[in-house]
Amino acid sequence: MARPFSRLLAQLSSRLIGAEDPLEVPPAPDFHDVVEQARTDWLTARAYFESVSDPDLVDHAIYLIEAAEKKYMYLLKQARPQQEQPGGAA
């Protein structure tokens, strides 16, 4: 009796948790993809700024632009040393 119950419990838990190991760390995204996502976020923030008219939303849009731009510029600075290294993507 205990064996079928434990098998049922194992099947249910694997369906709830998923087939993968929940403690497994997913691979880090490619640095180029991270930079491109930051660029997209920055362009999206600029488009949002152009589309709002409420003063509170304008303030929010400016905040988003500044934050996205700082992140994008930081990542571009990080990318430069990688490109200068031998074997770096040019």
N, C-alpha and C. Protein backbone atom coordinates (compact mmCIF):
# COMPACT_ATOMS: atom_id res chain seq x y z
N MET A 1 0.82 -1.19 0.00
CA MET A 1 0.00 0.00 0.00
C MET A 1 0.86 1.25 0.00
N ALA A 2 1.95 1.24 0.74
CA ALA A 2 2.80 2.42 0.83
C ALA A 2 3.52 2.68 -0.49
N ARG A 3 3.85 1.64 -1.22
CA ARG A 3 4.59 1.81 -2.47
C ARG A 3 3.74 2.54 -3.52
N PRO A 4 2.50 2.17 -3.81
CA PRO A 4 1.69 2.91 -4.78
C PRO A 4 1.46 4.36 -4.33
N PHE A 5 1.29 4.55 -3.01
CA PHE A 5 1.07 5.91 -2.52
C PHE A 5 2.31 6.77 -2.75
N SER A 6 3.49 6.22 -2.48
CA SER A 6 4.71 7.00 -2.67
C SER A 6 4.94 7.29 -4.15
N ARG A 7 4.58 6.34 -5.03
CA ARG A 7 4.71 6.58 -6.47
C ARG A 7 3.75 7.67 -6.91
N LEU A 8 2.51 7.64 -6.40
CA LEU A 8 1.53 8.67 -6.72
C LEU A 8 2.01 10.03 -6.22
N LEU A 9 2.54 10.06 -5.02
CA LEU A 9 3.05 11.31 -4.46
C LEU A 9 4.21 11.84 -5.30
N ALA A 10 5.10 10.97 -5.74
CA ALA A 10 6.23 11.38 -6.58
C ALA A 10 5.75 11.92 -7.92
N GLN A 11 4.73 11.29 -8.52
CA GLN A 11 4.19 11.77 -9.79
C GLN A 11 3.53 13.12 -9.62
N LEU A 12 2.76 13.30 -8.56
CA LEU A 12 2.10 14.58 -8.33
C LEU A 12 3.11 15.69 -8.07
N SER A 13 4.11 15.39 -7.28
CA SER A 13 5.10 16.43 -6.99
C SER A 13 5.89 16.80 -8.24
N SER A 14 6.19 15.82 -9.10
CA SER A 14 6.92 16.15 -10.33
C SER A 14 6.06 16.98 -11.27
N ARG A 15 4.76 16.78 -11.26
CA ARG A 15 3.88 17.60 -12.09
C ARG A 15 3.75 19.02 -11.53
N LEU A 16 3.69 19.13 -10.21
CA LEU A 16 3.57 20.45 -9.60
C LEU A 16 4.86 21.24 -9.71
N ILE A 17 5.96 20.60 -9.46
CA ILE A 17 7.26 21.27 -9.47
C ILE A 17 7.80 21.36 -10.89
N GLY A 18 7.51 20.41 -11.70
CA GLY A 18 8.06 20.36 -13.04
C GLY A 18 9.09 19.26 -13.12
N ALA A 19 9.42 18.88 -14.32
CA ALA A 19 10.36 17.79 -14.52
C ALA A 19 11.78 18.20 -14.18
N GLU A 20 12.09 19.52 -14.32
CA GLU A 20 13.45 19.95 -14.03
C GLU A 20 13.68 20.05 -12.53
N ASP A 21 14.93 20.06 -12.19
CA ASP A 21 15.33 20.23 -10.80
C ASP A 21 15.05 21.68 -10.41
N PRO A 22 14.23 21.92 -9.38
CA PRO A 22 13.89 23.31 -9.02
C PRO A 22 15.09 24.10 -8.50
N LEU A 23 16.14 23.41 -8.09
CA LEU A 23 17.32 24.10 -7.58
C LEU A 23 18.34 24.37 -8.67
N GLU A 24 18.09 23.88 -9.88
CA GLU A 24 19.02 24.08 -10.98
C GLU A 24 18.99 25.54 -11.43
N VAL A 25 20.15 26.12 -11.57
CA VAL A 25 20.27 27.52 -11.98
C VAL A 25 20.25 27.58 -13.50
N PRO A 26 19.36 28.40 -14.07
CA PRO A 26 19.33 28.49 -15.53
C PRO A 26 20.60 29.16 -16.04
N PRO A 27 21.00 28.87 -17.27
CA PRO A 27 22.22 29.48 -17.79
C PRO A 27 22.05 30.99 -17.94
N ALA A 28 23.14 31.71 -17.75
CA ALA A 28 23.10 33.16 -17.89
C ALA A 28 22.85 33.53 -19.35
N PRO A 29 22.06 34.57 -19.57
CA PRO A 29 21.82 34.97 -20.96
C PRO A 29 23.10 35.51 -21.60
N ASP A 30 23.17 35.43 -22.89
CA ASP A 30 24.30 35.94 -23.64
C ASP A 30 24.42 37.45 -23.41
N PHE A 31 25.64 37.94 -23.22
CA PHE A 31 25.86 39.36 -22.91
C PHE A 31 25.30 40.24 -24.02
N HIS A 32 25.46 39.82 -25.26
CA HIS A 32 24.93 40.60 -26.39
C HIS A 32 23.41 40.74 -26.27
N ASP A 33 22.73 39.68 -25.85
CA ASP A 33 21.28 39.74 -25.67
C ASP A 33 20.89 40.70 -24.54
N VAL A 34 21.69 40.74 -23.48
CA VAL A 34 21.42 41.64 -22.37
C VAL A 34 21.56 43.10 -22.83
N VAL A 35 22.60 43.38 -23.59
CA VAL A 35 22.81 44.74 -24.10
C VAL A 35 21.67 45.12 -25.04
N GLU A 36 21.28 44.21 -25.91
CA GLU A 36 20.19 44.50 -26.84
C GLU A 36 18.87 44.72 -26.11
N GLN A 37 18.62 43.97 -25.05
CA GLN A 37 17.40 44.17 -24.26
C GLN A 37 17.43 45.53 -23.57
N ALA A 38 18.59 45.95 -23.08
CA ALA A 38 18.72 47.27 -22.46
C ALA A 38 18.45 48.37 -23.48
N ARG A 39 18.93 48.19 -24.70
CA ARG A 39 18.68 49.16 -25.77
C ARG A 39 17.19 49.23 -26.08
N THR A 40 16.55 48.08 -26.16
CA THR A 40 15.11 48.04 -26.41
C THR A 40 14.34 48.71 -25.29
N ASP A 41 14.74 48.47 -24.05
CA ASP A 41 14.08 49.12 -22.91
C ASP A 41 14.22 50.64 -22.98
N TRP A 42 15.40 51.11 -23.37
CA TRP A 42 15.64 52.54 -23.48
C TRP A 42 14.76 53.15 -24.58
N LEU A 43 14.70 52.49 -25.73
CA LEU A 43 13.86 53.00 -26.83
C LEU A 43 12.37 52.96 -26.45
N THR A 44 11.98 51.95 -25.73
CA THR A 44 10.59 51.85 -25.27
C THR A 44 10.26 52.97 -24.29
N ALA A 45 11.19 53.28 -23.40
CA ALA A 45 10.98 54.38 -22.45
C ALA A 45 10.86 55.71 -23.19
N ARG A 46 11.65 55.90 -24.23
CA ARG A 46 11.56 57.14 -25.01
C ARG A 46 10.22 57.23 -25.73
N ALA A 47 9.75 56.11 -26.27
CA ALA A 47 8.45 56.11 -26.94
C ALA A 47 7.33 56.38 -25.93
N TYR A 48 7.46 55.84 -24.74
CA TYR A 48 6.47 56.08 -23.68
C TYR A 48 6.42 57.56 -23.33
N PHE A 49 7.59 58.18 -23.23
CA PHE A 49 7.66 59.61 -22.93
C PHE A 49 6.92 60.42 -23.99
N GLU A 50 7.08 60.04 -25.24
CA GLU A 50 6.42 60.75 -26.34
C GLU A 50 4.91 60.57 -26.33
N SER A 51 4.43 59.54 -25.66
CA SER A 51 3.00 59.22 -25.72
C SER A 51 2.19 59.74 -24.53
N VAL A 52 2.85 60.23 -23.48
CA VAL A 52 2.11 60.66 -22.29
C VAL A 52 1.96 62.18 -22.26
N SER A 53 0.89 62.63 -21.59
CA SER A 53 0.68 64.07 -21.48
C SER A 53 0.41 64.51 -20.04
N ASP A 54 -0.04 63.60 -19.19
CA ASP A 54 -0.29 63.93 -17.79
C ASP A 54 1.04 64.26 -17.10
N PRO A 55 1.10 65.37 -16.35
CA PRO A 55 2.37 65.76 -15.72
C PRO A 55 3.00 64.67 -14.84
N ASP A 56 2.18 63.93 -14.11
CA ASP A 56 2.74 62.86 -13.28
C ASP A 56 3.34 61.75 -14.14
N LEU A 57 2.69 61.45 -15.25
CA LEU A 57 3.22 60.41 -16.14
C LEU A 57 4.47 60.89 -16.87
N VAL A 58 4.53 62.19 -17.16
CA VAL A 58 5.73 62.73 -17.79
C VAL A 58 6.92 62.56 -16.85
N ASP A 59 6.71 62.86 -15.56
CA ASP A 59 7.78 62.65 -14.57
C ASP A 59 8.20 61.19 -14.52
N HIS A 60 7.22 60.32 -14.55
CA HIS A 60 7.51 58.88 -14.52
C HIS A 60 8.28 58.47 -15.77
N ALA A 61 7.87 58.98 -16.92
CA ALA A 61 8.53 58.65 -18.18
C ALA A 61 9.98 59.13 -18.18
N ILE A 62 10.21 60.32 -17.64
CA ILE A 62 11.58 60.84 -17.56
C ILE A 62 12.43 59.94 -16.68
N TYR A 63 11.88 59.51 -15.57
CA TYR A 63 12.58 58.59 -14.67
C TYR A 63 12.94 57.30 -15.41
N LEU A 64 11.99 56.76 -16.17
CA LEU A 64 12.24 55.52 -16.90
C LEU A 64 13.34 55.70 -17.95
N ILE A 65 13.30 56.83 -18.66
CA ILE A 65 14.32 57.09 -19.67
C ILE A 65 15.70 57.16 -19.02
N GLU A 66 15.81 57.92 -17.94
CA GLU A 66 17.10 58.08 -17.30
C GLU A 66 17.64 56.76 -16.76
N ALA A 67 16.77 55.96 -16.16
CA ALA A 67 17.20 54.67 -15.63
C ALA A 67 17.62 53.73 -16.76
N ALA A 68 16.84 53.67 -17.82
CA ALA A 68 17.15 52.78 -18.94
C ALA A 68 18.43 53.22 -19.64
N GLU A 69 18.60 54.55 -19.78
CA GLU A 69 19.80 55.06 -20.44
C GLU A 69 21.05 54.75 -19.62
N LYS A 70 20.98 54.91 -18.31
CA LYS A 70 22.13 54.61 -17.45
C LYS A 70 22.50 53.13 -17.54
N LYS A 71 21.50 52.27 -17.55
CA LYS A 71 21.76 50.83 -17.65
C LYS A 71 22.40 50.50 -19.00
N TYR A 72 21.86 51.06 -20.06
CA TYR A 72 22.39 50.81 -21.40
C TYR A 72 23.82 51.31 -21.52
N MET A 73 24.10 52.50 -21.05
CA MET A 73 25.45 53.06 -21.12
C MET A 73 26.43 52.23 -20.29
N TYR A 74 25.98 51.78 -19.14
CA TYR A 74 26.83 50.92 -18.30
C TYR A 74 27.20 49.63 -19.03
N LEU A 75 26.21 49.02 -19.65
CA LEU A 75 26.47 47.76 -20.36
C LEU A 75 27.37 47.98 -21.57
N LEU A 76 27.21 49.12 -22.26
CA LEU A 76 28.10 49.41 -23.38
C LEU A 76 29.54 49.59 -22.90
N LYS A 77 29.72 50.23 -21.75
CA LYS A 77 31.07 50.38 -21.20
C LYS A 77 31.65 49.02 -20.84
N GLN A 78 30.82 48.12 -20.32
CA GLN A 78 31.28 46.77 -19.99
C GLN A 78 31.64 45.99 -21.24
N ALA A 79 30.96 46.27 -22.34
CA ALA A 79 31.20 45.54 -23.58
C ALA A 79 32.51 45.94 -24.24
N ARG A 80 32.93 47.17 -24.07
CA ARG A 80 34.17 47.64 -24.71
C ARG A 80 35.39 46.82 -24.30
N PRO A 81 35.63 46.61 -22.99
CA PRO A 81 36.81 45.80 -22.65
C PRO A 81 36.73 44.38 -23.18
N GLN A 82 35.55 43.83 -23.29
CA GLN A 82 35.40 42.47 -23.83
C GLN A 82 35.80 42.44 -25.31
N GLN A 83 35.49 43.49 -26.03
CA GLN A 83 35.83 43.53 -27.46
C GLN A 83 37.32 43.77 -27.68
N GLU A 84 37.98 44.46 -26.74
CA GLU A 84 39.39 44.75 -26.87
C GLU A 84 40.27 43.55 -26.52
N GLN A 85 39.73 42.60 -25.77
CA GLN A 85 40.50 41.42 -25.40
C GLN A 85 40.71 40.54 -26.62
N PRO A 86 41.87 39.84 -26.68
CA PRO A 86 42.06 38.90 -27.77
C PRO A 86 40.97 37.83 -27.74
N GLY A 87 40.39 37.59 -28.87
CA GLY A 87 39.33 36.59 -28.96
C GLY A 87 37.97 37.17 -28.66
N GLY A 88 37.88 38.47 -28.32
CA GLY A 88 36.61 39.13 -28.06
C GLY A 88 35.88 39.38 -29.36
N ALA A 89 34.57 39.48 -29.27
CA ALA A 89 33.78 39.75 -30.47
C ALA A 89 34.08 41.16 -30.95
N ALA A 90 34.37 41.30 -32.23
CA ALA A 90 34.67 42.63 -32.77
C ALA A 90 33.50 43.20 -33.51
